[in-house]
Protein backbone atom coordinates (compact mmCIF):
# COMPACT_ATOMS: atom_id res chain seq x y z
CA MET A 1 -105.34 -52.05 -62.07
CA LYS A 2 -102.34 -49.77 -60.95
CA VAL A 3 -102.50 -48.52 -57.25
CA SER A 4 -101.24 -44.88 -56.75
CA THR A 5 -98.61 -44.63 -54.04
CA SER A 6 -98.38 -40.69 -54.03
CA LEU A 7 -99.64 -38.88 -50.95
CA ASN A 8 -102.12 -36.15 -51.04
CA PRO A 9 -101.40 -32.75 -49.48
CA GLY A 10 -103.44 -33.67 -46.48
CA ASP A 11 -101.11 -36.49 -45.71
CA GLN A 12 -97.95 -34.30 -46.02
CA LEU A 13 -99.03 -31.53 -43.74
CA PRO A 14 -98.08 -33.14 -40.37
CA ALA A 15 -94.68 -34.09 -41.68
CA LEU A 16 -94.08 -30.56 -42.90
CA LEU A 17 -95.29 -29.01 -39.61
CA GLU A 18 -92.91 -31.35 -37.81
CA ARG A 19 -90.14 -30.19 -40.02
CA ILE A 20 -91.00 -26.52 -39.38
CA GLU A 21 -91.12 -27.23 -35.69
CA ARG A 22 -87.83 -28.89 -35.64
CA ARG A 23 -86.21 -26.07 -37.67
CA GLU A 24 -87.88 -23.52 -35.14
CA LYS A 25 -86.41 -25.34 -32.27
CA SER A 26 -83.05 -25.48 -33.89
CA ALA A 27 -83.31 -21.67 -34.74
CA ARG A 28 -84.27 -20.85 -31.05
CA LEU A 29 -81.52 -23.04 -29.82
CA ARG A 30 -78.99 -21.23 -32.11
CA GLY A 31 -80.47 -17.98 -30.90
CA VAL A 32 -80.13 -18.95 -27.43
CA LEU A 33 -76.56 -20.11 -28.16
CA TYR A 34 -75.77 -16.99 -29.95
CA ALA A 35 -77.15 -14.86 -27.08
CA LEU A 36 -75.22 -16.92 -24.43
CA LEU A 37 -72.02 -16.82 -26.41
CA PRO A 38 -71.11 -13.16 -25.54
CA VAL A 39 -72.12 -13.73 -21.99
CA VAL A 40 -69.85 -16.82 -21.74
CA LEU A 41 -67.11 -15.04 -23.43
CA THR A 42 -67.61 -12.06 -21.13
CA VAL A 43 -67.47 -14.33 -18.10
CA VAL A 44 -64.37 -16.06 -19.55
CA VAL A 45 -62.73 -12.66 -20.16
CA LEU A 46 -63.72 -11.36 -16.75
CA SER A 47 -62.53 -14.43 -15.16
CA TYR A 48 -59.19 -14.15 -17.02
CA ALA A 49 -59.06 -10.52 -16.18
CA GLN A 50 -59.72 -11.18 -12.52
CA SER A 51 -56.97 -13.95 -12.44
CA SER A 52 -54.58 -11.57 -14.23
CA VAL A 53 -55.48 -8.76 -11.71
CA ARG A 54 -54.97 -11.18 -8.87
CA ASN A 55 -51.62 -12.33 -10.26
CA ALA A 56 -50.64 -8.70 -10.95
CA GLN A 57 -51.66 -7.78 -7.41
CA LYS A 58 -49.74 -10.68 -6.04
CA GLN A 59 -46.81 -9.69 -7.97
CA VAL A 60 -47.19 -6.10 -6.86
CA ASP A 61 -47.40 -7.28 -3.15
CA ASP A 62 -44.32 -9.44 -3.71
CA LEU A 63 -42.55 -6.45 -5.09
CA LYS A 64 -43.72 -4.28 -2.26
CA THR A 65 -42.48 -6.92 0.29
CA GLU A 66 -39.17 -7.16 -1.63
CA ALA A 67 -38.92 -3.37 -1.71
CA SER A 68 -39.56 -3.27 1.94
CA THR A 69 -36.84 -5.78 2.55
CA TYR A 70 -34.51 -3.75 0.50
CA THR A 71 -35.44 -0.61 2.36
CA THR A 72 -34.89 -2.36 5.67
CA GLN A 73 -31.44 -3.56 4.33
CA ILE A 74 -30.62 -0.03 3.03
CA ASP A 75 -31.58 1.46 6.44
CA THR A 76 -29.40 -1.16 8.16
CA LEU A 77 -26.55 -0.40 5.73
CA LYS A 78 -27.07 3.27 6.53
CA LYS A 79 -26.92 2.69 10.32
CA ASN A 80 -23.89 0.40 9.85
CA THR A 81 -22.27 3.09 7.69
CA GLU A 82 -22.96 5.78 10.20
CA SER A 83 -21.59 3.49 12.94
CA TYR A 84 -18.43 2.65 10.95
CA LYS A 85 -18.04 6.32 10.26
CA THR A 86 -18.36 7.08 14.07
CA GLN A 87 -15.98 4.17 14.83
CA SER A 88 -13.57 5.62 12.18
CA GLN A 89 -13.72 9.01 13.65
CA SER A 90 -13.21 7.62 17.19
CA MET A 91 -10.25 5.57 15.85
CA GLN A 92 -8.82 8.66 14.17
CA GLY A 93 -9.29 10.54 17.47
CA ASN A 94 -7.56 7.64 19.38
CA ALA A 95 -4.74 7.52 16.84
CA GLU A 96 -4.31 11.33 17.17
CA ASN A 97 -4.25 10.90 20.92
CA TYR A 98 -1.75 8.20 20.62
CA LYS A 99 0.35 10.29 18.31
CA ASN A 100 0.18 13.10 20.84
CA GLN A 101 1.14 10.69 23.66
CA VAL A 102 4.00 9.30 21.61
CA THR A 103 5.13 12.91 20.92
CA GLU A 104 4.89 13.74 24.53
CA LEU A 105 6.72 10.63 25.60
CA GLN A 106 9.38 11.40 23.00
CA ALA A 107 9.75 14.89 24.42
CA GLN A 108 9.89 13.55 27.95
CA LEU A 109 12.49 10.93 26.82
CA ALA A 110 14.53 13.71 25.12
CA GLU A 111 14.17 15.81 28.36
CA THR A 112 15.20 12.86 30.48
CA GLN A 113 18.16 12.08 28.22
CA LYS A 114 19.11 15.78 28.38
CA SER A 115 18.72 15.74 32.21
CA LEU A 116 20.89 12.60 32.40
CA SER A 117 23.51 14.25 30.18
CA GLU A 118 23.47 17.34 32.31
CA ALA A 119 23.58 15.24 35.44
CA VAL A 120 26.63 13.40 34.24
CA SER A 121 28.21 16.78 33.23
CA LEU A 122 27.22 18.54 36.31
CA SER A 123 28.37 15.70 38.71
CA ARG A 124 31.85 16.20 37.39
CA ALA A 125 31.76 19.89 38.24
CA VAL A 126 30.02 19.77 41.62
CA ARG A 127 31.82 21.82 44.27
CA THR A 128 31.14 20.88 47.77
CA ILE A 129 30.41 23.85 50.06
CA ASP A 130 29.44 23.71 53.73
CA TYR A 131 29.08 26.38 56.38
CA ALA A 132 32.69 26.16 57.45
CA ASN A 133 33.74 26.80 53.77
CA ALA A 134 31.30 29.74 53.67
CA LYS A 135 32.79 31.41 56.67
CA GLU A 136 36.37 30.82 55.52
CA LEU A 137 35.34 32.39 52.05
CA ALA A 138 33.73 35.31 53.96
CA SER A 139 36.83 35.99 55.80
CA ARG A 140 38.74 36.26 52.50
CA PHE A 141 35.89 38.17 50.66
CA PRO A 142 34.01 40.34 52.99
CA GLY A 143 30.44 40.84 52.13
CA SER A 144 29.84 37.48 50.50
CA GLU A 145 29.06 35.50 53.68
CA SER A 146 25.46 36.67 53.91
CA LEU A 147 24.71 35.78 50.23
CA LEU A 148 26.38 32.49 50.41
CA LEU A 149 24.74 31.36 53.57
CA ASP A 150 21.38 32.46 52.48
CA ILE A 151 21.71 30.41 49.24
CA LEU A 152 23.03 27.37 51.21
CA ASP A 153 20.17 27.66 53.62
CA LEU A 154 17.68 27.28 50.75
CA GLY A 155 19.65 24.37 49.51
CA ARG A 156 19.52 22.68 52.89
CA ARG A 157 15.68 23.25 52.79
CA ARG A 158 15.70 21.24 49.44
CA ILE A 159 13.95 23.84 47.35
CA LYS A 160 12.89 21.98 44.26
CA TRP A 161 13.36 22.78 40.50
CA LYS A 162 10.17 24.21 39.05
CA PRO A 163 10.08 25.83 35.59
CA GLY A 164 8.51 29.19 35.92
CA GLY A 165 8.34 28.78 39.73
CA GLN A 166 7.50 31.81 41.82
CA SER A 167 8.08 30.95 45.49
CA VAL A 168 10.07 28.86 48.01
CA GLN A 169 6.92 26.61 48.39
CA GLU A 170 6.44 26.02 44.71
CA GLY A 171 10.07 25.90 43.62
CA PHE A 172 12.13 27.93 41.08
CA ASP A 173 14.11 27.60 37.85
CA SER A 174 17.45 29.02 37.72
CA PRO A 175 16.55 32.58 36.59
CA SER A 176 13.67 32.90 38.89
CA PHE A 177 15.75 31.63 41.82
CA ALA A 178 18.28 34.28 41.08
CA ALA A 179 15.58 36.97 40.99
CA HIS A 180 14.31 35.69 44.29
CA ILE A 181 17.73 35.98 45.91
CA LEU A 182 18.17 39.53 44.44
CA ARG A 183 14.88 40.60 45.78
CA GLN A 184 15.51 39.12 49.24
CA LYS A 185 19.04 40.81 49.35
CA ARG A 186 17.50 44.04 47.95
CA ALA A 187 19.95 44.43 45.03
CA THR A 188 19.68 47.53 43.00
CA GLY A 189 17.94 47.53 39.70
CA ILE A 190 15.82 44.41 39.68
CA GLU A 191 12.63 45.98 41.03
CA LEU A 192 9.54 44.35 39.71
CA ARG A 193 7.45 46.36 37.21
CA PRO A 194 3.73 46.56 37.83
CA GLY A 195 2.23 43.25 36.74
CA GLU A 196 5.62 41.58 36.29
CA SER A 197 5.97 38.05 37.76
CA LEU A 198 9.08 36.77 39.42
CA SER A 199 9.59 34.32 36.47
CA GLU A 200 9.46 37.26 33.97
CA ALA A 201 11.81 39.23 36.09
CA GLY A 202 14.24 36.32 36.16
CA ARG A 203 14.09 35.98 32.33
CA SER A 204 14.90 39.69 32.01
CA LEU A 205 17.91 39.84 34.32
CA TYR A 206 20.30 39.46 31.53
CA ASP A 207 18.95 42.72 29.92
CA LYS A 208 18.33 44.46 33.09
CA LEU A 209 21.80 44.21 34.77
CA PRO A 210 24.90 45.88 33.32
CA PRO A 211 27.35 43.67 31.55
CA THR A 212 30.89 43.09 32.85
CA THR A 213 33.88 41.15 31.67
CA GLN A 214 35.46 40.95 35.13
CA PRO A 215 32.97 39.24 37.40
CA LYS A 216 33.35 39.53 41.17
CA THR A 217 31.78 37.73 43.98
CA GLY A 218 28.07 38.28 43.87
CA ASP A 219 27.76 38.92 40.23
CA LEU A 220 25.61 36.71 37.96
CA VAL A 221 26.95 34.29 35.28
CA PHE A 222 24.58 33.23 32.49
CA TYR A 223 24.92 29.93 30.58
CA SER A 224 23.47 28.99 27.32
CA ALA A 225 21.61 26.02 28.94
CA GLY A 226 19.59 28.61 30.74
CA TYR A 227 21.32 28.83 34.16
CA ALA A 228 21.75 32.03 36.01
CA MET A 229 24.23 31.39 38.77
CA PHE A 230 25.94 33.58 41.35
CA TYR A 231 29.66 33.92 40.91
CA PHE A 232 32.10 33.51 43.80
CA ALA A 233 35.82 34.04 43.40
CA ASP A 234 38.06 31.62 45.19
CA PRO A 235 41.73 31.79 43.82
CA ARG A 236 42.89 29.04 46.24
CA ASP A 237 40.32 26.18 45.36
CA GLY A 238 38.99 27.62 42.05
CA ASN A 239 36.19 29.92 41.31
CA PHE A 240 32.68 28.52 41.50
CA VAL A 241 29.15 29.44 40.79
CA LEU A 242 26.05 28.73 43.02
CA GLY A 243 22.46 28.58 42.23
CA MET A 244 19.39 26.55 41.19
CA THR A 245 19.90 23.57 38.82
CA HIS A 246 17.56 20.74 37.77
CA PHE A 247 18.88 18.99 40.79
CA GLY A 248 18.28 21.67 43.40
CA VAL A 249 20.58 24.39 44.73
CA THR A 250 24.09 23.37 43.64
CA ALA A 251 27.62 24.74 43.71
CA LEU A 252 29.56 24.09 40.41
CA LYS A 253 32.88 24.88 39.13
CA SER A 254 32.42 28.20 37.14
CA ASP A 255 33.82 26.59 33.93
CA PHE A 256 31.46 23.63 33.94
CA ALA A 257 29.98 25.15 30.77
CA LYS A 258 30.91 28.07 28.48
CA PRO A 259 29.42 31.29 29.95
CA ALA A 260 27.00 33.25 27.70
CA GLY A 261 27.92 36.44 29.66
CA TYR A 262 28.41 38.09 33.07
CA ARG A 263 26.24 40.75 34.70
CA GLN A 264 27.11 43.03 37.49
CA VAL A 265 24.96 43.09 40.64
CA GLN A 266 24.86 46.18 42.82
CA TRP A 267 24.28 45.09 46.24
CA ARG A 268 22.98 47.60 48.79
C-alpha cells in the first residue's frame, strides 16, 4: 500500500505564519530604515553644512586677520609717507636756507672783493693830513680851517663806516657823513624836511645843492662809487678830497676816481 507524503493544510499553517512573520519583520525593518534614512541624510547634510560653515568662518576670520594686517601696514605706510613728506619739506626748507646762505655768502664775498679792490685803489690815493697841514692850508685858504679841523677831529675819534648811519655813535656812510658836517656847520640849503632822516638828506644832496664846474674849497665832489667828499684846493701839493669811506674818515687825492659831479656849498 502507497503512503501519502503530502501535508494537510493544518500542517502547513505554522510554516506559513512563520513566513508571514518574517516578511512583516523585514517590512518593519525596511520601514524603520526608510524612516531613518532621511534623518541620517539630514544629520550628514547638517554635519557637512556645519563643517562648511566652520571652514568658511575660519576663512573669513583668516581674511579679517589678513585684512587687519594689511590695514596696519597701510596705516604704517601712510605714516611713513607723511613722515617722508615732512622730511622732504624740511630738506627743501634746509636746501632753500642753504641756498640763501650761499647767496648771502656770495654777496658778502663780492662785497669783500669790492672792498679789497677799493682798499688797494684808495691806498694809492691816500693823502696824509695832520693838524699842521690843516693850519698851513687854512693860512692859504681862509675859511677852510674850521671845516678841515672838524672833519679831522671826527677821523681822530675813529667814527666808523655804517650804511645808512645817522649819528656819530652809530657811524655814517659817505653821503650821511657829508650831511652831518653840513648841518653842524649850518650850511645853506640842506635843512631837513619834516620826517626826513639824515641818511635820506645825504642821498638827496646831489639834487639839493647847485651844480658847479669850478669846485672851490668846501664844495662837495660826488663819485660813482657813492662817495660824497669835501673838496680842498691845494695847488702846491695837489687838490684832495676829505670825507667818510669804507675805511673811516680819509683824505684822498681828488682824482682817485672820476667825479660824477660837483656841487657848490653855501657856507654861512
